[in-house]
Amino acid sequence: MTFFGGAYAFIRVCFGHLPDRIGGYLIAIASLGIEGIGRALLWLSPSETVALFGALLSGMGCSLLLPALGVEILKHIPPQSRGTALGGFVAFQDIAYGITGPITGVLAARTGYASVFLVGAVATLVGIGFVFSERANSKTLMSDWCGDASQAKRGA
């Protein structure tokens, strides 16, 4: 937990501005990739050193995921509703933690702790797929909006 928590805090403090600067989708994909590598190392870890490195990478990746996705979600929300939307977004993360904790606890009790990290690694791959999909949908929406706006400016 120390390696995970230390990496999480360090990355959030030192690099928390990146989603705003270079975009949430890019940071989310990188974060999930780094976290997935960390989870895979924890799953396959042959030694304590490798497990600690896996925990470090997991913390690094996890740190900017919520801010990165939040930046992109808030782009689709009217300014007067952003506080409520952000509160709902964070609440769903808490609900997800509340649901997955007991489920992975049962999994660990039945098949061992390594299986929990395998599930986590697979979840990061699924997450990357969702981010790519959302990014493609968002670009389509944005090009539709921009296309409509440019036509309106030209008087078409």
N, C-alpha and C. Protein backbone atom coordinates (compact mmCIF):
# COMPACT_ATOMS: atom_id res chain seq x y z
N MET A 1 0.82 -1.19 0.00
CA MET A 1 0.00 0.00 0.00
C MET A 1 0.86 1.26 0.00
N THR A 2 2.02 1.21 0.62
CA THR A 2 2.88 2.38 0.67
C THR A 2 3.36 2.77 -0.72
N PHE A 3 3.75 1.79 -1.52
CA PHE A 3 4.22 2.09 -2.87
C PHE A 3 3.06 2.61 -3.73
N PHE A 4 1.91 1.98 -3.64
CA PHE A 4 0.75 2.43 -4.39
C PHE A 4 0.37 3.84 -3.97
N GLY A 5 0.18 4.05 -2.68
CA GLY A 5 -0.25 5.36 -2.17
C GLY A 5 0.77 6.45 -2.42
N GLY A 6 2.04 6.15 -2.24
CA GLY A 6 3.08 7.15 -2.48
C GLY A 6 3.12 7.57 -3.94
N ALA A 7 3.05 6.59 -4.84
CA ALA A 7 3.05 6.90 -6.27
C ALA A 7 1.79 7.67 -6.66
N TYR A 8 0.66 7.27 -6.11
CA TYR A 8 -0.61 7.94 -6.40
C TYR A 8 -0.54 9.42 -6.03
N ALA A 9 -0.08 9.70 -4.81
CA ALA A 9 0.00 11.09 -4.33
C ALA A 9 1.03 11.89 -5.12
N PHE A 10 2.18 11.30 -5.37
CA PHE A 10 3.24 12.00 -6.10
C PHE A 10 2.76 12.41 -7.50
N ILE A 11 2.18 11.47 -8.22
CA ILE A 11 1.73 11.76 -9.59
C ILE A 11 0.62 12.80 -9.58
N ARG A 12 -0.32 12.67 -8.66
CA ARG A 12 -1.44 13.62 -8.61
C ARG A 12 -0.94 15.04 -8.32
N VAL A 13 0.01 15.17 -7.39
CA VAL A 13 0.53 16.49 -7.03
C VAL A 13 1.40 17.07 -8.15
N CYS A 14 2.28 16.26 -8.69
CA CYS A 14 3.24 16.77 -9.68
C CYS A 14 2.70 16.86 -11.10
N PHE A 15 1.73 16.02 -11.44
CA PHE A 15 1.27 15.97 -12.82
C PHE A 15 -0.25 16.13 -12.95
N GLY A 16 -0.91 16.57 -11.90
CA GLY A 16 -2.35 16.72 -11.91
C GLY A 16 -2.88 17.69 -12.95
N HIS A 17 -2.03 18.57 -13.44
CA HIS A 17 -2.44 19.55 -14.45
C HIS A 17 -2.50 18.97 -15.86
N LEU A 18 -1.93 17.80 -16.09
CA LEU A 18 -1.82 17.27 -17.45
C LEU A 18 -3.15 17.03 -18.16
N PRO A 19 -4.20 16.52 -17.49
CA PRO A 19 -5.45 16.35 -18.24
C PRO A 19 -5.96 17.66 -18.84
N ASP A 20 -5.82 18.76 -18.13
CA ASP A 20 -6.25 20.05 -18.66
C ASP A 20 -5.34 20.53 -19.79
N ARG A 21 -4.07 20.22 -19.69
CA ARG A 21 -3.10 20.72 -20.67
C ARG A 21 -3.08 19.93 -21.97
N ILE A 22 -3.08 18.60 -21.86
CA ILE A 22 -2.90 17.80 -23.09
C ILE A 22 -4.11 16.93 -23.43
N GLY A 23 -5.13 16.98 -22.60
CA GLY A 23 -6.36 16.26 -22.90
C GLY A 23 -6.58 15.05 -22.02
N GLY A 24 -7.82 14.88 -21.65
CA GLY A 24 -8.18 13.79 -20.75
C GLY A 24 -8.10 12.42 -21.38
N TYR A 25 -8.46 12.31 -22.67
CA TYR A 25 -8.44 10.99 -23.29
C TYR A 25 -7.03 10.41 -23.35
N LEU A 26 -6.08 11.21 -23.74
CA LEU A 26 -4.69 10.73 -23.82
C LEU A 26 -4.19 10.30 -22.43
N ILE A 27 -4.47 11.12 -21.43
CA ILE A 27 -4.03 10.79 -20.07
C ILE A 27 -4.75 9.55 -19.57
N ALA A 28 -6.04 9.40 -19.88
CA ALA A 28 -6.79 8.22 -19.43
C ALA A 28 -6.22 6.95 -20.04
N ILE A 29 -5.92 6.99 -21.32
CA ILE A 29 -5.36 5.81 -21.99
C ILE A 29 -3.99 5.47 -21.41
N ALA A 30 -3.14 6.48 -21.23
CA ALA A 30 -1.82 6.24 -20.64
C ALA A 30 -1.95 5.72 -19.21
N SER A 31 -2.85 6.32 -18.44
CA SER A 31 -3.05 5.91 -17.06
C SER A 31 -3.51 4.46 -16.96
N LEU A 32 -4.49 4.10 -17.79
CA LEU A 32 -4.96 2.72 -17.78
C LEU A 32 -3.87 1.75 -18.23
N GLY A 33 -3.08 2.14 -19.21
CA GLY A 33 -1.98 1.29 -19.65
C GLY A 33 -0.95 1.05 -18.55
N ILE A 34 -0.57 2.13 -17.88
CA ILE A 34 0.40 2.01 -16.79
C ILE A 34 -0.18 1.19 -15.65
N GLU A 35 -1.43 1.47 -15.30
CA GLU A 35 -2.07 0.71 -14.22
C GLU A 35 -2.19 -0.76 -14.60
N GLY A 36 -2.53 -1.04 -15.86
CA GLY A 36 -2.65 -2.43 -16.30
C GLY A 36 -1.34 -3.19 -16.22
N ILE A 37 -0.25 -2.53 -16.59
CA ILE A 37 1.07 -3.17 -16.48
C ILE A 37 1.36 -3.47 -15.01
N GLY A 38 1.05 -2.51 -14.15
CA GLY A 38 1.25 -2.74 -12.72
C GLY A 38 0.44 -3.91 -12.19
N ARG A 39 -0.83 -3.99 -12.61
CA ARG A 39 -1.69 -5.10 -12.15
C ARG A 39 -1.18 -6.43 -12.70
N ALA A 40 -0.72 -6.43 -13.94
CA ALA A 40 -0.17 -7.66 -14.51
C ALA A 40 1.09 -8.10 -13.75
N LEU A 41 1.92 -7.13 -13.38
CA LEU A 41 3.11 -7.48 -12.59
C LEU A 41 2.72 -8.05 -11.23
N LEU A 42 1.69 -7.49 -10.62
CA LEU A 42 1.21 -8.03 -9.35
C LEU A 42 0.65 -9.44 -9.53
N TRP A 43 -0.04 -9.67 -10.62
CA TRP A 43 -0.62 -10.98 -10.90
C TRP A 43 0.47 -12.04 -11.10
N LEU A 44 1.51 -11.68 -11.87
CA LEU A 44 2.55 -12.64 -12.24
C LEU A 44 3.79 -12.58 -11.36
N SER A 45 3.77 -11.74 -10.36
CA SER A 45 4.97 -11.43 -9.59
C SER A 45 5.71 -12.67 -9.05
N PRO A 46 6.98 -12.81 -9.46
CA PRO A 46 7.79 -13.90 -8.94
C PRO A 46 8.50 -13.54 -7.64
N SER A 47 8.48 -12.25 -7.29
CA SER A 47 9.21 -11.82 -6.10
C SER A 47 8.56 -10.60 -5.47
N GLU A 48 8.97 -10.32 -4.26
CA GLU A 48 8.47 -9.14 -3.56
C GLU A 48 8.85 -7.85 -4.29
N THR A 49 10.04 -7.79 -4.83
CA THR A 49 10.50 -6.60 -5.55
C THR A 49 9.62 -6.30 -6.76
N VAL A 50 9.31 -7.33 -7.51
CA VAL A 50 8.44 -7.14 -8.69
C VAL A 50 7.04 -6.71 -8.25
N ALA A 51 6.55 -7.29 -7.16
CA ALA A 51 5.23 -6.92 -6.64
C ALA A 51 5.22 -5.46 -6.20
N LEU A 52 6.27 -5.00 -5.55
CA LEU A 52 6.33 -3.60 -5.14
C LEU A 52 6.37 -2.67 -6.34
N PHE A 53 7.10 -3.05 -7.38
CA PHE A 53 7.13 -2.25 -8.60
C PHE A 53 5.75 -2.24 -9.26
N GLY A 54 5.06 -3.37 -9.23
CA GLY A 54 3.70 -3.44 -9.76
C GLY A 54 2.76 -2.53 -8.99
N ALA A 55 2.90 -2.50 -7.67
CA ALA A 55 2.08 -1.61 -6.85
C ALA A 55 2.38 -0.14 -7.17
N LEU A 56 3.64 0.17 -7.37
CA LEU A 56 4.05 1.53 -7.73
C LEU A 56 3.40 1.95 -9.06
N LEU A 57 3.50 1.09 -10.07
CA LEU A 57 2.91 1.41 -11.37
C LEU A 57 1.38 1.51 -11.28
N SER A 58 0.78 0.64 -10.49
CA SER A 58 -0.68 0.71 -10.32
C SER A 58 -1.10 2.04 -9.71
N GLY A 59 -0.37 2.50 -8.72
CA GLY A 59 -0.67 3.79 -8.10
C GLY A 59 -0.47 4.95 -9.05
N MET A 60 0.61 4.87 -9.85
CA MET A 60 0.87 5.92 -10.82
C MET A 60 -0.27 6.00 -11.84
N GLY A 61 -0.69 4.87 -12.33
CA GLY A 61 -1.74 4.84 -13.34
C GLY A 61 -3.09 5.26 -12.80
N CYS A 62 -3.40 4.79 -11.62
CA CYS A 62 -4.70 5.09 -11.01
C CYS A 62 -4.86 6.57 -10.69
N SER A 63 -3.79 7.23 -10.39
CA SER A 63 -3.81 8.60 -9.89
C SER A 63 -4.52 9.60 -10.78
N LEU A 64 -4.25 9.58 -12.05
CA LEU A 64 -4.80 10.61 -12.95
C LEU A 64 -6.02 10.14 -13.74
N LEU A 65 -6.48 8.92 -13.51
CA LEU A 65 -7.60 8.41 -14.29
C LEU A 65 -8.88 9.20 -14.03
N LEU A 66 -9.25 9.38 -12.79
CA LEU A 66 -10.48 10.12 -12.48
C LEU A 66 -10.41 11.57 -12.99
N PRO A 67 -9.34 12.31 -12.74
CA PRO A 67 -9.29 13.67 -13.29
C PRO A 67 -9.34 13.70 -14.83
N ALA A 68 -8.68 12.75 -15.46
CA ALA A 68 -8.64 12.73 -16.93
C ALA A 68 -10.04 12.49 -17.50
N LEU A 69 -10.74 11.52 -16.96
CA LEU A 69 -12.09 11.25 -17.45
C LEU A 69 -13.05 12.38 -17.08
N GLY A 70 -12.85 12.95 -15.91
CA GLY A 70 -13.69 14.07 -15.48
C GLY A 70 -13.57 15.27 -16.41
N VAL A 71 -12.36 15.56 -16.86
CA VAL A 71 -12.14 16.68 -17.79
C VAL A 71 -12.96 16.46 -19.06
N GLU A 72 -12.95 15.26 -19.57
CA GLU A 72 -13.66 14.99 -20.82
C GLU A 72 -15.18 14.97 -20.61
N ILE A 73 -15.63 14.42 -19.52
CA ILE A 73 -17.07 14.38 -19.25
C ILE A 73 -17.63 15.79 -19.10
N LEU A 74 -16.91 16.64 -18.40
CA LEU A 74 -17.42 17.98 -18.14
C LEU A 74 -17.51 18.83 -19.41
N LYS A 75 -16.82 18.44 -20.46
CA LYS A 75 -16.93 19.17 -21.73
C LYS A 75 -18.32 19.04 -22.34
N HIS A 76 -19.04 17.99 -21.94
CA HIS A 76 -20.37 17.72 -22.50
C HIS A 76 -21.50 18.20 -21.61
N ILE A 77 -21.16 18.85 -20.51
CA ILE A 77 -22.15 19.27 -19.52
C ILE A 77 -22.27 20.79 -19.53
N PRO A 78 -23.48 21.31 -19.51
CA PRO A 78 -23.65 22.77 -19.43
C PRO A 78 -22.99 23.32 -18.16
N PRO A 79 -22.41 24.51 -18.23
CA PRO A 79 -21.68 25.06 -17.07
C PRO A 79 -22.48 25.07 -15.78
N GLN A 80 -23.78 25.37 -15.84
CA GLN A 80 -24.58 25.46 -14.64
C GLN A 80 -24.83 24.09 -13.99
N SER A 81 -24.53 22.99 -14.68
CA SER A 81 -24.77 21.64 -14.15
C SER A 81 -23.49 20.88 -13.84
N ARG A 82 -22.35 21.50 -14.00
CA ARG A 82 -21.08 20.78 -13.86
C ARG A 82 -20.81 20.29 -12.45
N GLY A 83 -21.17 21.07 -11.45
CA GLY A 83 -20.95 20.63 -10.06
C GLY A 83 -21.74 19.37 -9.74
N THR A 84 -23.00 19.35 -10.14
CA THR A 84 -23.84 18.17 -9.92
C THR A 84 -23.32 16.97 -10.69
N ALA A 85 -22.93 17.20 -11.94
CA ALA A 85 -22.40 16.11 -12.76
C ALA A 85 -21.13 15.53 -12.16
N LEU A 86 -20.24 16.39 -11.70
CA LEU A 86 -18.99 15.92 -11.10
C LEU A 86 -19.27 15.13 -9.82
N GLY A 87 -20.23 15.60 -9.03
CA GLY A 87 -20.61 14.86 -7.82
C GLY A 87 -21.13 13.48 -8.15
N GLY A 88 -21.97 13.38 -9.19
CA GLY A 88 -22.47 12.07 -9.62
C GLY A 88 -21.37 11.18 -10.14
N PHE A 89 -20.43 11.76 -10.87
CA PHE A 89 -19.29 11.01 -11.41
C PHE A 89 -18.47 10.39 -10.28
N VAL A 90 -18.17 11.19 -9.28
CA VAL A 90 -17.38 10.70 -8.14
C VAL A 90 -18.18 9.67 -7.34
N ALA A 91 -19.49 9.88 -7.21
CA ALA A 91 -20.33 8.92 -6.48
C ALA A 91 -20.31 7.55 -7.16
N PHE A 92 -20.33 7.54 -8.50
CA PHE A 92 -20.29 6.26 -9.19
C PHE A 92 -18.96 5.55 -8.99
N GLN A 93 -17.88 6.29 -8.84
CA GLN A 93 -16.60 5.66 -8.53
C GLN A 93 -16.67 5.00 -7.16
N ASP A 94 -17.26 5.68 -6.21
CA ASP A 94 -17.40 5.12 -4.87
C ASP A 94 -18.29 3.88 -4.89
N ILE A 95 -19.36 3.93 -5.66
CA ILE A 95 -20.24 2.77 -5.78
C ILE A 95 -19.49 1.59 -6.40
N ALA A 96 -18.70 1.88 -7.43
CA ALA A 96 -17.91 0.82 -8.07
C ALA A 96 -16.95 0.18 -7.08
N TYR A 97 -16.29 1.01 -6.25
CA TYR A 97 -15.40 0.45 -5.23
C TYR A 97 -16.18 -0.39 -4.23
N GLY A 98 -17.35 0.08 -3.86
CA GLY A 98 -18.18 -0.65 -2.90
C GLY A 98 -18.67 -1.99 -3.43
N ILE A 99 -18.87 -2.08 -4.72
CA ILE A 99 -19.34 -3.33 -5.32
C ILE A 99 -18.17 -4.28 -5.60
N THR A 100 -17.09 -3.75 -6.17
CA THR A 100 -15.98 -4.63 -6.56
C THR A 100 -15.19 -5.15 -5.37
N GLY A 101 -15.17 -4.42 -4.27
CA GLY A 101 -14.44 -4.91 -3.09
C GLY A 101 -14.94 -6.27 -2.62
N PRO A 102 -16.21 -6.40 -2.32
CA PRO A 102 -16.72 -7.71 -1.88
C PRO A 102 -16.61 -8.79 -2.96
N ILE A 103 -16.84 -8.42 -4.22
CA ILE A 103 -16.75 -9.42 -5.29
C ILE A 103 -15.33 -9.96 -5.41
N THR A 104 -14.36 -9.07 -5.42
CA THR A 104 -12.97 -9.53 -5.54
C THR A 104 -12.50 -10.21 -4.25
N GLY A 105 -13.11 -9.85 -3.13
CA GLY A 105 -12.81 -10.56 -1.88
C GLY A 105 -13.22 -12.02 -1.95
N VAL A 106 -14.40 -12.27 -2.49
CA VAL A 106 -14.87 -13.65 -2.68
C VAL A 106 -13.96 -14.36 -3.68
N LEU A 107 -13.61 -13.68 -4.76
CA LEU A 107 -12.71 -14.25 -5.76
C LEU A 107 -11.37 -14.63 -5.13
N ALA A 108 -10.81 -13.74 -4.32
CA ALA A 108 -9.52 -14.02 -3.67
C ALA A 108 -9.64 -15.20 -2.71
N ALA A 109 -10.75 -15.28 -1.99
CA ALA A 109 -10.93 -16.39 -1.04
C ALA A 109 -11.03 -17.73 -1.77
N ARG A 110 -11.62 -17.72 -2.96
CA ARG A 110 -11.82 -18.97 -3.70
C ARG A 110 -10.65 -19.36 -4.59
N THR A 111 -9.98 -18.37 -5.18
CA THR A 111 -8.95 -18.69 -6.18
C THR A 111 -7.57 -18.11 -5.87
N GLY A 112 -7.45 -17.31 -4.80
CA GLY A 112 -6.17 -16.71 -4.45
C GLY A 112 -6.08 -15.26 -4.87
N TYR A 113 -5.18 -14.55 -4.23
CA TYR A 113 -5.05 -13.11 -4.48
C TYR A 113 -4.61 -12.78 -5.91
N ALA A 114 -3.83 -13.64 -6.51
CA ALA A 114 -3.34 -13.35 -7.86
C ALA A 114 -4.49 -13.14 -8.84
N SER A 115 -5.58 -13.87 -8.65
CA SER A 115 -6.71 -13.74 -9.57
C SER A 115 -7.32 -12.34 -9.53
N VAL A 116 -7.26 -11.70 -8.38
CA VAL A 116 -7.80 -10.34 -8.25
C VAL A 116 -7.00 -9.37 -9.12
N PHE A 117 -5.70 -9.54 -9.15
CA PHE A 117 -4.86 -8.66 -9.97
C PHE A 117 -5.03 -8.96 -11.46
N LEU A 118 -5.29 -10.22 -11.79
CA LEU A 118 -5.60 -10.56 -13.18
C LEU A 118 -6.89 -9.87 -13.61
N VAL A 119 -7.92 -9.91 -12.78
CA VAL A 119 -9.17 -9.23 -13.10
C VAL A 119 -8.92 -7.73 -13.25
N GLY A 120 -8.10 -7.16 -12.38
CA GLY A 120 -7.77 -5.74 -12.49
C GLY A 120 -7.05 -5.41 -13.79
N ALA A 121 -6.13 -6.27 -14.20
CA ALA A 121 -5.41 -6.04 -15.46
C ALA A 121 -6.35 -6.12 -16.65
N VAL A 122 -7.24 -7.10 -16.63
CA VAL A 122 -8.22 -7.23 -17.72
C VAL A 122 -9.15 -6.01 -17.72
N ALA A 123 -9.54 -5.55 -16.55
CA ALA A 123 -10.42 -4.38 -16.47
C ALA A 123 -9.76 -3.14 -17.08
N THR A 124 -8.45 -3.02 -16.94
CA THR A 124 -7.78 -1.86 -17.55
C THR A 124 -7.82 -1.96 -19.07
N LEU A 125 -7.70 -3.16 -19.61
CA LEU A 125 -7.80 -3.33 -21.06
C LEU A 125 -9.20 -2.97 -21.56
N VAL A 126 -10.22 -3.42 -20.82
CA VAL A 126 -11.60 -3.07 -21.17
C VAL A 126 -11.77 -1.55 -21.08
N GLY A 127 -11.20 -0.95 -20.05
CA GLY A 127 -11.28 0.50 -19.89
C GLY A 127 -10.64 1.25 -21.04
N ILE A 128 -9.50 0.76 -21.51
CA ILE A 128 -8.85 1.40 -22.66
C ILE A 128 -9.77 1.34 -23.88
N GLY A 129 -10.41 0.21 -24.07
CA GLY A 129 -11.36 0.09 -25.18
C GLY A 129 -12.50 1.08 -25.05
N PHE A 130 -13.05 1.24 -23.84
CA PHE A 130 -14.12 2.21 -23.63
C PHE A 130 -13.65 3.63 -23.90
N VAL A 131 -12.44 3.97 -23.47
CA VAL A 131 -11.93 5.33 -23.69
C VAL A 131 -11.74 5.59 -25.18
N PHE A 132 -11.18 4.63 -25.90
CA PHE A 132 -11.04 4.82 -27.35
C PHE A 132 -12.41 4.99 -28.01
N SER A 133 -13.37 4.20 -27.59
CA SER A 133 -14.73 4.29 -28.15
C SER A 133 -15.36 5.65 -27.86
N GLU A 134 -15.24 6.09 -26.63
CA GLU A 134 -15.81 7.38 -26.24
C GLU A 134 -15.11 8.52 -26.97
N ARG A 135 -13.81 8.39 -27.11
CA ARG A 135 -13.05 9.42 -27.83
C ARG A 135 -13.52 9.52 -29.28
N ALA A 136 -13.73 8.38 -29.92
CA ALA A 136 -14.21 8.38 -31.31
C ALA A 136 -15.61 8.99 -31.39
N ASN A 137 -16.49 8.63 -30.46
CA ASN A 137 -17.84 9.21 -30.44
C ASN A 137 -17.80 10.70 -30.18
N SER A 138 -16.93 11.12 -29.30
CA SER A 138 -16.80 12.53 -28.96
C SER A 138 -16.30 13.33 -30.16
N LYS A 139 -15.33 12.79 -30.88
CA LYS A 139 -14.81 13.49 -32.07
C LYS A 139 -15.90 13.61 -33.12
N THR A 140 -16.72 12.58 -33.27
CA THR A 140 -17.83 12.64 -34.22
C THR A 140 -18.80 13.74 -33.81
N LEU A 141 -19.15 13.77 -32.54
CA LEU A 141 -20.04 14.80 -32.05
C LEU A 141 -19.45 16.19 -32.25
N MET A 142 -18.17 16.33 -31.91
CA MET A 142 -17.52 17.63 -32.04
C MET A 142 -17.46 18.07 -33.50
N SER A 143 -17.15 17.15 -34.41
CA SER A 143 -17.08 17.54 -35.82
C SER A 143 -18.47 17.89 -36.34
N ASP A 144 -19.50 17.18 -35.84
CA ASP A 144 -20.87 17.54 -36.22
C ASP A 144 -21.20 18.94 -35.74
N TRP A 145 -20.85 19.23 -34.48
CA TRP A 145 -21.14 20.55 -33.92
C TRP A 145 -20.36 21.63 -34.65
N CYS A 146 -19.07 21.37 -34.85
CA CYS A 146 -18.23 22.36 -35.52
C CYS A 146 -18.68 22.55 -36.97
N GLY A 147 -19.06 21.45 -37.63
CA GLY A 147 -19.55 21.57 -39.00
C GLY A 147 -20.79 22.41 -39.08
N ASP A 148 -21.73 22.22 -38.13
CA ASP A 148 -22.95 23.02 -38.10
C ASP A 148 -22.64 24.48 -37.85
N ALA A 149 -21.70 24.72 -36.95
CA ALA A 149 -21.35 26.11 -36.60
C ALA A 149 -20.68 26.81 -37.78
N SER A 150 -19.81 26.08 -38.49
CA SER A 150 -19.11 26.72 -39.61
C SER A 150 -20.08 27.00 -40.76
N GLN A 151 -21.07 26.12 -40.95
CA GLN A 151 -22.06 26.37 -41.99
C GLN A 151 -22.93 27.56 -41.63
N ALA A 152 -23.28 27.68 -40.36
CA ALA A 152 -24.11 28.82 -39.91
C ALA A 152 -23.36 30.14 -40.10
N LYS A 153 -22.04 30.13 -39.87
CA LYS A 153 -21.26 31.36 -40.04
C LYS A 153 -21.19 31.78 -41.50
N ARG A 154 -21.17 30.78 -42.39
CA ARG A 154 -21.09 31.09 -43.82
C ARG A 154 -22.44 31.45 -44.41
N GLY A 155 -23.51 31.28 -43.61
CA GLY A 155 -24.84 31.60 -44.10
C GLY A 155 -25.43 30.49 -44.94
N ALA A 156 -24.91 29.26 -44.82
CA ALA A 156 -25.41 28.13 -45.62
C ALA A 156 -26.70 27.59 -45.06
